[in-house]
Structure formats: C-alpha cells, structure tokens
PDB file of N, CA and C in Angstrom:
ATOM      1  N   MET A   1      -3.597   5.153   9.194  1.00  0.00           N
ATOM      2  CA  MET A   1      -2.641   5.087   8.102  1.00  0.00           C
ATOM      3  C   MET A   1      -1.290   5.595   8.599  1.00  0.00           C
ATOM      4  N   ILE A   2      -0.269   4.878   8.300  1.00  0.00           N
ATOM      5  CA  ILE A   2       1.075   5.274   8.704  1.00  0.00           C
ATOM      6  C   ILE A   2       1.671   6.156   7.610  1.00  0.00           C
ATOM      7  N   ILE A   3       2.037   7.366   8.011  1.00  0.00           N
ATOM      8  CA  ILE A   3       2.512   8.370   7.060  1.00  0.00           C
ATOM      9  C   ILE A   3       3.749   7.882   6.306  1.00  0.00           C
ATOM     10  N   SER A   4       4.705   7.293   7.000  1.00  0.00           N
ATOM     11  CA  SER A   4       5.939   6.860   6.336  1.00  0.00           C
ATOM     12  C   SER A   4       5.666   5.789   5.278  1.00  0.00           C
ATOM     13  N   GLU A   5       4.703   4.920   5.540  1.00  0.00           N
ATOM     14  CA  GLU A   5       4.347   3.907   4.538  1.00  0.00           C
ATOM     15  C   GLU A   5       3.773   4.570   3.291  1.00  0.00           C
ATOM     16  N   MET A   6       2.920   5.560   3.497  1.00  0.00           N
ATOM     17  CA  MET A   6       2.321   6.246   2.353  1.00  0.00           C
ATOM     18  C   MET A   6       3.375   7.021   1.579  1.00  0.00           C
ATOM     19  N   GLN A   7       4.339   7.598   2.271  1.00  0.00           N
ATOM     20  CA  GLN A   7       5.420   8.306   1.580  1.00  0.00           C
ATOM     21  C   GLN A   7       6.178   7.355   0.663  1.00  0.00           C
ATOM     22  N   ARG A   8       6.456   6.158   1.151  1.00  0.00           N
ATOM     23  CA  ARG A   8       7.149   5.157   0.325  1.00  0.00           C
ATOM     24  C   ARG A   8       6.305   4.772  -0.889  1.00  0.00           C
ATOM     25  N   LYS A   9       5.017   4.565  -0.668  1.00  0.00           N
ATOM     26  CA  LYS A   9       4.135   4.202  -1.776  1.00  0.00           C
ATOM     27  C   LYS A   9       4.098   5.306  -2.831  1.00  0.00           C
ATOM     28  N   LEU A  10       3.950   6.555  -2.385  1.00  0.00           N
ATOM     29  CA  LEU A  10       3.907   7.671  -3.333  1.00  0.00           C
ATOM     30  C   LEU A  10       5.196   7.761  -4.139  1.00  0.00           C
ATOM     31  N   ALA A  11       6.323   7.562  -3.471  1.00  0.00           N
ATOM     32  CA  ALA A  11       7.608   7.621  -4.170  1.00  0.00           C
ATOM     33  C   ALA A  11       7.705   6.513  -5.211  1.00  0.00           C
ATOM     34  N   THR A  12       7.273   5.314  -4.854  1.00  0.00           N
ATOM     35  CA  THR A  12       7.305   4.189  -5.788  1.00  0.00           C
ATOM     36  C   THR A  12       6.387   4.444  -6.973  1.00  0.00           C
ATOM     37  N   TRP A  13       5.180   4.907  -6.693  1.00  0.00           N
ATOM     38  CA  TRP A  13       4.229   5.186  -7.775  1.00  0.00           C
ATOM     39  C   TRP A  13       4.743   6.280  -8.696  1.00  0.00           C
ATOM     40  N   ALA A  14       5.371   7.297  -8.136  1.00  0.00           N
ATOM     41  CA  ALA A  14       5.877   8.409  -8.949  1.00  0.00           C
ATOM     42  C   ALA A  14       6.954   7.937  -9.918  1.00  0.00           C
ATOM     43  N   VAL A  15       7.752   6.980  -9.482  1.00  0.00           N
ATOM     44  CA  VAL A  15       8.811   6.455 -10.348  1.00  0.00           C
ATOM     45  C   VAL A  15       8.222   5.552 -11.430  1.00  0.00           C
ATOM     46  N   THR A  16       7.274   4.703 -11.049  1.00  0.00           N
ATOM     47  CA  THR A  16       6.733   3.744 -12.011  1.00  0.00           C
ATOM     48  C   THR A  16       5.771   4.371 -13.009  1.00  0.00           C
ATOM     49  N   ASP A  17       5.060   5.424 -12.592  1.00  0.00           N
ATOM     50  CA  ASP A  17       4.112   6.072 -13.502  1.00  0.00           C
ATOM     51  C   ASP A  17       4.019   7.565 -13.179  1.00  0.00           C
ATOM     52  N   PRO A  18       4.962   8.359 -13.682  1.00  0.00           N
ATOM     53  CA  PRO A  18       5.005   9.789 -13.363  1.00  0.00           C
ATOM     54  C   PRO A  18       3.719  10.548 -13.688  1.00  0.00           C
ATOM     55  N   SER A  19       2.941  10.069 -14.633  1.00  0.00           N
ATOM     56  CA  SER A  19       1.719  10.791 -15.005  1.00  0.00           C
ATOM     57  C   SER A  19       0.660  10.758 -13.905  1.00  0.00           C
ATOM     58  N   LEU A  20       0.776   9.827 -12.980  1.00  0.00           N
ATOM     59  CA  LEU A  20      -0.226   9.700 -11.921  1.00  0.00           C
ATOM     60  C   LEU A  20       0.189  10.330 -10.600  1.00  0.00           C
ATOM     61  N   ARG A  21       1.404  10.850 -10.490  1.00  0.00           N
ATOM     62  CA  ARG A  21       1.885  11.308  -9.183  1.00  0.00           C
ATOM     63  C   ARG A  21       1.008  12.394  -8.567  1.00  0.00           C
ATOM     64  N   ILE A  22       0.556  13.367  -9.330  1.00  0.00           N
ATOM     65  CA  ILE A  22      -0.256  14.450  -8.778  1.00  0.00           C
ATOM     66  C   ILE A  22      -1.649  13.951  -8.398  1.00  0.00           C
ATOM     67  N   GLN A  23      -2.261  13.142  -9.237  1.00  0.00           N
ATOM     68  CA  GLN A  23      -3.595  12.632  -8.939  1.00  0.00           C
ATOM     69  C   GLN A  23      -3.608  11.829  -7.640  1.00  0.00           C
ATOM     70  N   ARG A  24      -2.631  10.988  -7.447  1.00  0.00           N
ATOM     71  CA  ARG A  24      -2.584  10.165  -6.235  1.00  0.00           C
ATOM     72  C   ARG A  24      -2.340  11.021  -5.004  1.00  0.00           C
ATOM     73  N   LEU A  25      -1.472  11.993  -5.124  1.00  0.00           N
ATOM     74  CA  LEU A  25      -1.211  12.883  -3.996  1.00  0.00           C
ATOM     75  C   LEU A  25      -2.466  13.675  -3.641  1.00  0.00           C
ATOM     76  N   LEU A  26      -3.156  14.199  -4.637  1.00  0.00           N
ATOM     77  CA  LEU A  26      -4.379  14.960  -4.374  1.00  0.00           C
ATOM     78  C   LEU A  26      -5.451  14.100  -3.722  1.00  0.00           C
ATOM     79  N   ARG A  27      -5.605  12.866  -4.177  1.00  0.00           N
ATOM     80  CA  ARG A  27      -6.583  11.972  -3.544  1.00  0.00           C
ATOM     81  C   ARG A  27      -6.211  11.713  -2.093  1.00  0.00           C
ATOM     82  N   LEU A  28      -4.933  11.574  -1.829  1.00  0.00           N
ATOM     83  CA  LEU A  28      -4.475  11.297  -0.472  1.00  0.00           C
ATOM     84  C   LEU A  28      -4.740  12.473   0.456  1.00  0.00           C
ATOM     85  N   ILE A  29      -4.361  13.663   0.042  1.00  0.00           N
ATOM     86  CA  ILE A  29      -4.470  14.801   0.954  1.00  0.00           C
ATOM     87  C   ILE A  29      -5.901  15.296   1.136  1.00  0.00           C
ATOM     88  N   THR A  30      -6.846  14.732   0.419  1.00  0.00           N
ATOM     89  CA  THR A  30      -8.245  15.083   0.652  1.00  0.00           C
ATOM     90  C   THR A  30      -8.906  14.130   1.639  1.00  0.00           C
ATOM     91  N   GLN A  31      -8.151  13.178   2.166  1.00  0.00           N
ATOM     92  CA  GLN A  31      -8.688  12.255   3.166  1.00  0.00           C
ATOM     93  C   GLN A  31      -8.505  12.874   4.554  1.00  0.00           C
ATOM     94  N   PRO A  32      -9.597  13.173   5.260  1.00  0.00           N
ATOM     95  CA  PRO A  32      -9.502  13.819   6.570  1.00  0.00           C
ATOM     96  C   PRO A  32      -8.644  13.049   7.576  1.00  0.00           C
ATOM     97  N   GLU A  33      -8.721  11.722   7.548  1.00  0.00           N
ATOM     98  CA  GLU A  33      -7.936  10.931   8.500  1.00  0.00           C
ATOM     99  C   GLU A  33      -6.439  11.126   8.264  1.00  0.00           C
ATOM    100  N   TRP A  34      -6.058  11.147   7.005  1.00  0.00           N
ATOM    101  CA  TRP A  34      -4.641  11.314   6.671  1.00  0.00           C
ATOM    102  C   TRP A  34      -4.166  12.705   7.067  1.00  0.00           C
ATOM    103  N   LEU A  35      -4.969  13.714   6.786  1.00  0.00           N
ATOM    104  CA  LEU A  35      -4.609  15.085   7.152  1.00  0.00           C
ATOM    105  C   LEU A  35      -4.488  15.239   8.662  1.00  0.00           C
ATOM    106  N   ALA A  36      -5.401  14.645   9.416  1.00  0.00           N
ATOM    107  CA  ALA A  36      -5.355  14.734  10.875  1.00  0.00           C
ATOM    108  C   ALA A  36      -4.086  14.091  11.422  1.00  0.00           C
ATOM    109  N   GLU A  37      -3.728  12.937  10.900  1.00  0.00           N
ATOM    110  CA  GLU A  37      -2.512  12.252  11.356  1.00  0.00           C
ATOM    111  C   GLU A  37      -1.266  13.045  10.984  1.00  0.00           C
ATOM    112  N   ALA A  38      -1.226  13.585   9.782  1.00  0.00           N
ATOM    113  CA  ALA A  38      -0.080  14.397   9.363  1.00  0.00           C
ATOM    114  C   ALA A  38       0.044  15.638  10.242  1.00  0.00           C
ATOM    115  N   ALA A  39      -1.078  16.273  10.559  1.00  0.00           N
ATOM    116  CA  ALA A  39      -1.059  17.452  11.430  1.00  0.00           C
ATOM    117  C   ALA A  39      -0.592  17.077  12.828  1.00  0.00           C
ATOM    118  N   ARG A  40      -1.068  15.956  13.348  1.00  0.00           N
ATOM    119  CA  ARG A  40      -0.662  15.515  14.686  1.00  0.00           C
ATOM    120  C   ARG A  40       0.848  15.299  14.747  1.00  0.00           C
ATOM    121  N   ILE A  41       1.397  14.636  13.749  1.00  0.00           N
ATOM    122  CA  ILE A  41       2.834  14.368  13.720  1.00  0.00           C
ATOM    123  C   ILE A  41       3.617  15.666  13.599  1.00  0.00           C
ATOM    124  N   THR A  42       3.177  16.538  12.723  1.00  0.00           N
ATOM    125  CA  THR A  42       3.875  17.805  12.508  1.00  0.00           C
ATOM    126  C   THR A  42       3.840  18.670  13.754  1.00  0.00           C
ATOM    127  N   LEU A  43       2.679  18.784  14.370  1.00  0.00           N
ATOM    128  CA  LEU A  43       2.536  19.650  15.540  1.00  0.00           C
ATOM    129  C   LEU A  43       3.216  19.091  16.780  1.00  0.00           C
ATOM    130  N   SER A  44       3.474  17.797  16.804  1.00  0.00           N
ATOM    131  CA  SER A  44       4.140  17.211  17.966  1.00  0.00           C
ATOM    132  C   SER A  44       5.665  17.278  17.861  1.00  0.00           C
ATOM    133  N   SER A  45       6.182  17.751  16.747  1.00  0.00           N
ATOM    134  CA  SER A  45       7.638  17.840  16.596  1.00  0.00           C
ATOM    135  C   SER A  45       8.187  19.026  17.384  1.00  0.00           C
ATOM    136  N   LYS A  46       9.454  18.963  17.726  1.00  0.00           N
ATOM    137  CA  LYS A  46      10.098  20.002  18.541  1.00  0.00           C
ATOM    138  C   LYS A  46       9.961  21.395  17.952  1.00  0.00           C
ATOM    139  N   GLY A  47      10.166  21.542  16.679  1.00  0.00           N
ATOM    140  CA  GLY A  47      10.173  22.851  16.050  1.00  0.00           C
ATOM    141  C   GLY A  47       8.804  23.423  15.736  1.00  0.00           C
ATOM    142  N   ALA A  48       7.744  22.735  16.113  1.00  0.00           N
ATOM    143  CA  ALA A  48       6.399  23.176  15.754  1.00  0.00           C
ATOM    144  C   ALA A  48       5.913  24.364  16.571  1.00  0.00           C
ATOM    145  N   HIS A  49       6.498  24.562  17.745  1.00  0.00           N
ATOM    146  CA  HIS A  49       5.989  25.636  18.624  1.00  0.00           C
ATOM    147  C   HIS A  49       7.054  26.635  18.954  1.00  0.00           C
TER     148      HIS A  49
END
C-alpha cells in the first residue's frame, strides 16, 4: 500500500463524510502491513536518528 495514496483517500473521505473519518483511520492503522510501511518510511528519513 502506498502511504501517499492512502493519505489522499483519507482526506477525500473526511471531506465527503466527516462522521466516518475516525472509523476509517482506526481501521487503517490496525493493519500490520500499513503500520510496517509507515514505520519503514518514517525511520528511513533523515531526522529519524
């Protein structure tokens, strides 16, 4: 899963249906694959260490 694509989707969903923004975010961050990719990207950035 590409993080930037998911960020765009979440932003679009939040605008179109604000009542679902938290539920969708919670479902997303409970996916191990998504968390692993987000951690990899974050830890590989210059300021991470």
